[in-house]
Protein backbone atom coordinates (compact mmCIF):
# COMPACT_ATOMS: atom_id res chain seq x y z
CA UNK A 1 20.32 2.40 11.72
CA UNK A 2 22.80 2.98 14.59
CA UNK A 3 22.59 5.71 17.29
CA UNK A 4 24.96 7.87 15.39
CA UNK A 5 22.88 7.81 12.33
CA UNK A 6 19.61 8.88 14.28
CA UNK A 7 21.41 11.63 16.02
CA UNK A 8 23.45 13.01 13.15
CA UNK A 9 21.41 12.36 9.76
CA UNK A 10 22.50 14.80 7.12
CA UNK A 11 20.45 16.19 4.19
CA UNK A 12 20.71 13.82 1.27
CA UNK A 13 22.88 16.10 -0.91
CA UNK A 14 25.24 16.56 2.11
CA UNK A 15 25.37 12.79 2.98
CA UNK A 16 26.11 11.80 -0.69
CA UNK A 17 29.00 14.59 -0.85
CA UNK A 18 30.43 13.43 2.42
CA UNK A 19 30.17 9.81 1.22
CA UNK A 20 32.01 10.70 -2.02
CA UNK A 21 34.81 12.65 0.07
CA UNK A 22 35.17 9.59 2.22
CA UNK A 23 35.80 7.44 -0.76
CA UNK A 24 38.18 9.65 -2.39
CA UNK A 25 40.15 10.33 0.84
CA UNK A 26 40.44 6.61 1.27
CA UNK A 27 41.64 6.24 -2.14
CA UNK A 28 44.44 8.85 -1.77
CA UNK A 29 45.41 7.35 1.63
CA UNK A 30 45.55 3.85 0.57
CA UNK A 31 47.53 4.82 -2.68
CA UNK A 32 50.09 6.64 -0.63
CA UNK A 33 50.32 3.52 1.91
CA UNK A 34 50.74 0.89 -0.86
CA UNK A 35 53.27 2.75 -2.92
CA UNK A 36 55.51 2.90 0.11
CA UNK A 37 55.19 -0.95 1.02
CA UNK A 38 57.18 -3.73 -0.71
CA UNK A 39 56.25 -6.57 1.70
CA UNK A 40 53.35 -8.84 0.92
CA UNK A 41 53.02 -9.64 4.60
CA UNK A 42 52.72 -6.02 5.48
CA UNK A 43 50.23 -5.54 2.63
CA UNK A 44 48.03 -8.25 4.02
CA UNK A 45 48.40 -7.17 7.62
CA UNK A 46 47.29 -3.49 6.55
CA UNK A 47 44.30 -5.29 4.57
CA UNK A 48 43.01 -6.99 7.70
CA UNK A 49 43.11 -3.63 9.57
CA UNK A 50 41.49 -1.88 6.76
CA UNK A 51 38.66 -4.50 6.74
CA UNK A 52 37.99 -4.00 10.42
CA UNK A 53 38.13 -0.25 9.75
CA UNK A 54 35.38 -0.33 7.18
CA UNK A 55 33.32 -2.61 9.45
CA UNK A 56 33.77 -0.04 12.09
CA UNK A 57 32.39 2.81 9.81
CA UNK A 58 29.29 0.85 8.92
CA UNK A 59 28.82 -0.04 12.59
CA UNK A 60 29.48 3.27 14.32
CA UNK A 61 28.98 5.83 11.50
CA UNK A 62 26.80 4.64 8.58
CA UNK A 63 26.98 2.18 5.61
CA UNK A 64 26.74 5.14 3.23
CA UNK A 65 30.34 5.88 4.13
CA UNK A 66 31.49 2.25 4.47
CA UNK A 67 30.66 1.17 1.01
CA UNK A 68 32.65 3.95 -0.65
CA UNK A 69 35.38 3.53 1.68
CA UNK A 70 35.71 -0.19 1.06
CA UNK A 71 35.42 0.07 -2.82
CA UNK A 72 38.06 2.91 -3.00
CA UNK A 73 40.55 0.83 -0.91
CA UNK A 74 40.06 -2.09 -3.27
CA UNK A 75 40.49 0.24 -6.27
CA UNK A 76 43.57 1.70 -4.78
CA UNK A 77 44.95 -1.88 -4.15
CA UNK A 78 44.29 -2.78 -7.71
CA UNK A 79 45.78 0.32 -9.08
CA UNK A 80 48.94 0.73 -7.12
CA UNK A 81 49.79 -2.72 -6.04
CA UNK A 82 48.59 -5.36 -8.79
CA UNK A 83 50.53 -5.23 -12.02
CA UNK A 84 50.23 -3.22 -14.26
CA UNK A 85 50.54 -0.53 -11.60
CA UNK A 86 49.56 3.14 -12.14
CA UNK A 87 52.03 5.93 -11.11
CA UNK A 88 51.32 7.73 -8.04
CA UNK A 89 50.32 10.99 -9.12
CA UNK A 90 47.02 12.90 -9.82
CA UNK A 91 45.12 10.71 -12.46
CA UNK A 92 44.96 11.80 -16.04
CA UNK A 93 41.50 12.69 -17.51
CA UNK A 94 40.72 9.13 -18.59
CA UNK A 95 41.69 7.57 -15.25
CA UNK A 96 40.00 10.33 -13.28
CA UNK A 97 36.67 9.71 -15.15
CA UNK A 98 37.06 6.10 -14.10
CA UNK A 99 37.73 6.89 -10.62
CA UNK A 100 34.71 9.31 -10.26
CA UNK A 101 32.57 6.72 -11.78
CA UNK A 102 33.69 4.01 -9.48
CA UNK A 103 33.16 6.29 -6.47
CA UNK A 104 29.87 7.46 -7.76
CA UNK A 105 28.58 3.97 -8.00
CA UNK A 106 29.95 3.06 -4.52
CA UNK A 107 28.13 6.19 -3.02
CA UNK A 108 24.91 5.13 -4.87
CA UNK A 109 25.21 1.44 -3.52
CA UNK A 110 26.01 2.81 0.02
CA UNK A 111 23.00 5.02 0.07
CA UNK A 112 20.76 2.35 -1.37
CA UNK A 113 21.91 0.01 1.32
CA UNK A 114 21.50 2.63 3.98
CA UNK A 115 17.87 3.42 2.59
CA UNK A 116 17.04 -0.37 2.79
CA UNK A 117 18.42 -0.80 6.41
CA UNK A 118 16.38 2.36 7.44
CA UNK A 119 13.13 1.06 5.90
CA UNK A 120 13.81 -2.52 7.61
CA UNK A 121 14.44 -0.95 11.03
CA UNK A 122 11.15 1.09 10.55
CA UNK A 123 9.14 -1.92 9.54
CA UNK A 124 10.61 -3.92 12.62
CA UNK A 125 9.74 -1.08 14.87
CA UNK A 126 6.17 -0.76 13.52
CA UNK A 127 5.69 -4.61 13.83
CA UNK A 128 6.87 -4.31 17.46
CA UNK A 129 4.45 -1.34 18.03
CA UNK A 130 1.68 -3.44 16.67
CA UNK A 131 2.53 -6.41 18.61
CA UNK A 132 2.48 -4.31 21.78
CA UNK A 133 -0.91 -3.02 20.97
CA UNK A 134 -2.41 -6.23 20.32
CA UNK A 135 -0.97 -7.63 23.61
CA UNK A 136 -2.51 -4.65 25.41
CA UNK A 137 -5.94 -5.32 23.67
CA UNK A 138 -5.71 -8.97 24.77
CA UNK A 139 -5.07 -8.11 28.26
CA UNK A 140 -8.05 -5.76 28.40
CA UNK A 141 -10.25 -8.30 26.48
CA UNK A 142 -9.46 -10.84 29.11
CA UNK A 143 -10.66 -8.36 31.77
CA UNK A 144 -13.90 -7.86 29.93
CA UNK A 145 -14.38 -11.61 29.27
CA UNK A 146 -14.07 -12.43 33.06
CA UNK A 147 -16.41 -9.60 33.97
CA UNK A 148 -13.96 -7.47 35.83
CA UNK A 149 -15.64 -4.47 37.81
CA UNK A 150 -15.83 -1.12 35.81
CA UNK A 151 -13.19 0.62 37.95
CA UNK A 152 -10.68 -2.26 37.49
CA UNK A 153 -11.27 -2.35 33.57
CA UNK A 154 -10.95 1.55 33.14
CA UNK A 155 -7.92 1.59 35.27
CA UNK A 156 -6.32 -1.17 33.10
CA UNK A 157 -7.33 0.81 30.00
CA UNK A 158 -5.56 3.97 31.31
CA UNK A 159 -2.37 1.79 32.31
CA UNK A 160 -2.18 0.06 28.94
CA UNK A 161 -2.74 3.47 26.89
CA UNK A 162 -0.24 5.37 29.03
CA UNK A 163 2.48 2.88 28.57
CA UNK A 164 1.79 2.47 24.95
CA UNK A 165 1.99 6.23 24.40
CA UNK A 166 4.92 6.61 26.55
CA UNK A 167 3.35 9.56 28.41
CA UNK A 168 3.96 10.69 32.11
CA UNK A 169 0.32 10.32 32.82
CA UNK A 170 -2.93 9.46 31.32
CA UNK A 171 -6.59 10.02 32.61
CA UNK A 172 -9.97 8.96 31.53
CA UNK A 173 -13.02 11.04 32.53
CA UNK A 174 -16.63 11.34 31.47
CA UNK A 175 -18.74 14.42 30.75
CA UNK A 176 -21.84 15.07 32.74
CA UNK A 177 -24.51 17.53 31.55
CA UNK A 178 -21.73 19.07 29.33
CA UNK A 179 -20.73 21.23 32.27
CA UNK A 180 -18.77 18.79 34.66
CA UNK A 181 -16.01 16.37 34.15
CA UNK A 182 -16.28 13.34 36.29
CA UNK A 183 -13.09 11.18 37.16
CA UNK A 184 -13.25 7.71 35.98
CA UNK A 185 -9.55 6.36 36.00
CA UNK A 186 -6.01 7.40 35.87
CA UNK A 187 -2.46 6.09 35.44
CA UNK A 188 0.87 7.88 35.93
CA UNK A 189 4.48 6.95 36.01
CA UNK A 190 6.33 7.22 39.37
CA UNK A 191 6.87 10.91 40.43
CA UNK A 192 4.32 12.28 38.09
CA UNK A 193 1.11 11.86 40.18
CA UNK A 194 -1.68 14.23 39.00
CA UNK A 195 -4.02 15.92 41.47
CA UNK A 196 -6.96 13.98 42.44
CA UNK A 197 -10.51 14.90 41.87
CA UNK A 198 -14.09 13.35 41.82
CA UNK A 199 -15.73 15.94 39.59
CA UNK A 200 -15.11 19.48 38.54
CA UNK A 201 -16.71 22.23 36.40
CA UNK A 202 -15.43 22.64 32.95
CA UNK A 203 -14.25 26.21 33.54
CA UNK A 204 -10.99 27.85 32.21
CA UNK A 205 -8.88 26.58 29.42
CA UNK A 206 -8.38 22.80 29.07
CA UNK A 207 -8.26 20.26 26.57
CA UNK A 208 -11.32 18.55 28.02
CA UNK A 209 -13.63 21.66 27.35
CA UNK A 210 -12.08 21.78 23.74
CA UNK A 211 -12.70 18.26 23.05
CA UNK A 212 -16.33 18.51 24.25
CA UNK A 213 -16.81 21.56 22.09
CA UNK A 214 -15.31 20.25 19.07
CA UNK A 215 -15.71 16.56 19.29
CA UNK A 216 -12.09 16.23 17.94
CA UNK A 217 -8.76 15.61 19.57
CA UNK A 218 -7.13 18.75 21.16
CA UNK A 219 -3.62 19.78 22.24
CA UNK A 220 -2.16 22.43 24.45
CA UNK A 221 1.47 22.68 23.83
CA UNK A 222 2.30 25.35 26.26
CA UNK A 223 0.32 24.26 29.18
CA UNK A 224 2.73 26.18 31.63
CA UNK A 225 1.58 29.45 30.29
CA UNK A 226 -2.04 28.90 31.16
CA UNK A 227 -3.14 30.75 34.20
CA UNK A 228 -6.95 30.24 34.30
CA UNK A 229 -7.24 26.54 34.60
CA UNK A 230 -9.92 24.09 35.50
CA UNK A 231 -10.21 22.50 38.88
CA UNK A 232 -8.93 19.30 37.75
CA UNK A 233 -5.91 20.82 36.08
CA UNK A 234 -4.72 23.05 38.89
CA UNK A 235 -1.35 22.11 40.33
CA UNK A 236 -0.40 19.82 37.26
CA UNK A 237 3.12 20.05 36.40
CA UNK A 238 2.82 19.57 32.66
CA UNK A 239 4.44 21.25 29.67
CA UNK A 240 1.78 20.11 27.09
CA UNK A 241 -1.27 18.09 27.21
CA UNK A 242 -3.34 16.10 24.44
CA UNK A 243 -6.90 14.99 24.83
CA UNK A 244 -8.93 12.52 22.56
CA UNK A 245 -12.71 12.18 22.75
CA UNK A 246 -14.40 8.91 24.04
CA UNK A 247 -17.48 8.20 21.87
CA UNK A 248 -20.11 5.77 23.01
CA UNK A 249 -22.97 5.21 20.50
CA UNK A 250 -22.44 8.36 18.68
CA UNK A 251 -22.20 10.67 21.53
CA UNK A 252 -19.33 12.16 23.26
CA UNK A 253 -19.17 10.10 26.54
CA UNK A 254 -15.76 11.40 27.93
CA UNK A 255 -12.24 12.15 27.28
CA UNK A 256 -8.88 10.53 27.55
CA UNK A 257 -6.00 13.09 28.44
CA UNK A 258 -2.42 12.43 28.40
């Protein structure tokens, strides 16, 4: 899937209609061009140009439109250039049905090809994400195996998780007496450093307090609108925050916040 498809994906019905229109328009343009050309050299040259145009459509728009355009051009070449030729006029009922069937098949093939390409790209992306996750786990496991200090290990976990999740910053903290949050480790992208703290009371609105209360992941989508914040969240320039519990031996040990 190219960048245009990712940013301009139409609903299926609209996409199929536009693909059919692309094929019909290509057929009409090719018919007019072929009827006005007698030179085989010129036809061959236009054929090469047309081939590059179809490739460009597939590359920069979508194969959904490239397949009908390609088949429509070939069909026009067969109808209006190769004997016995058809007259340059609106097709009669029999020829119109044939044209609609050909274009319909082309649209279907184009959509199937595009769907297969999208699934292949999604599978490739998923494999890449799994590979990244496994590499991160191996790096953390290496630290564990060589007996790295706790602060180094937690810092590595925070960094690996933050990079994998592609967030501005990530913090790991532990609960103490269900009333305080104690800082353990943090990671942030350049320019997104969060306020530092050692420990703070679980007061005000925060995902940390919600995770402790429910034992489940919590999210605040409009963090800018929260006026009463816990001490560890004051001065944080964040639009949304999500937190997930860290469970050790069946109890809520702490929280990971991004």
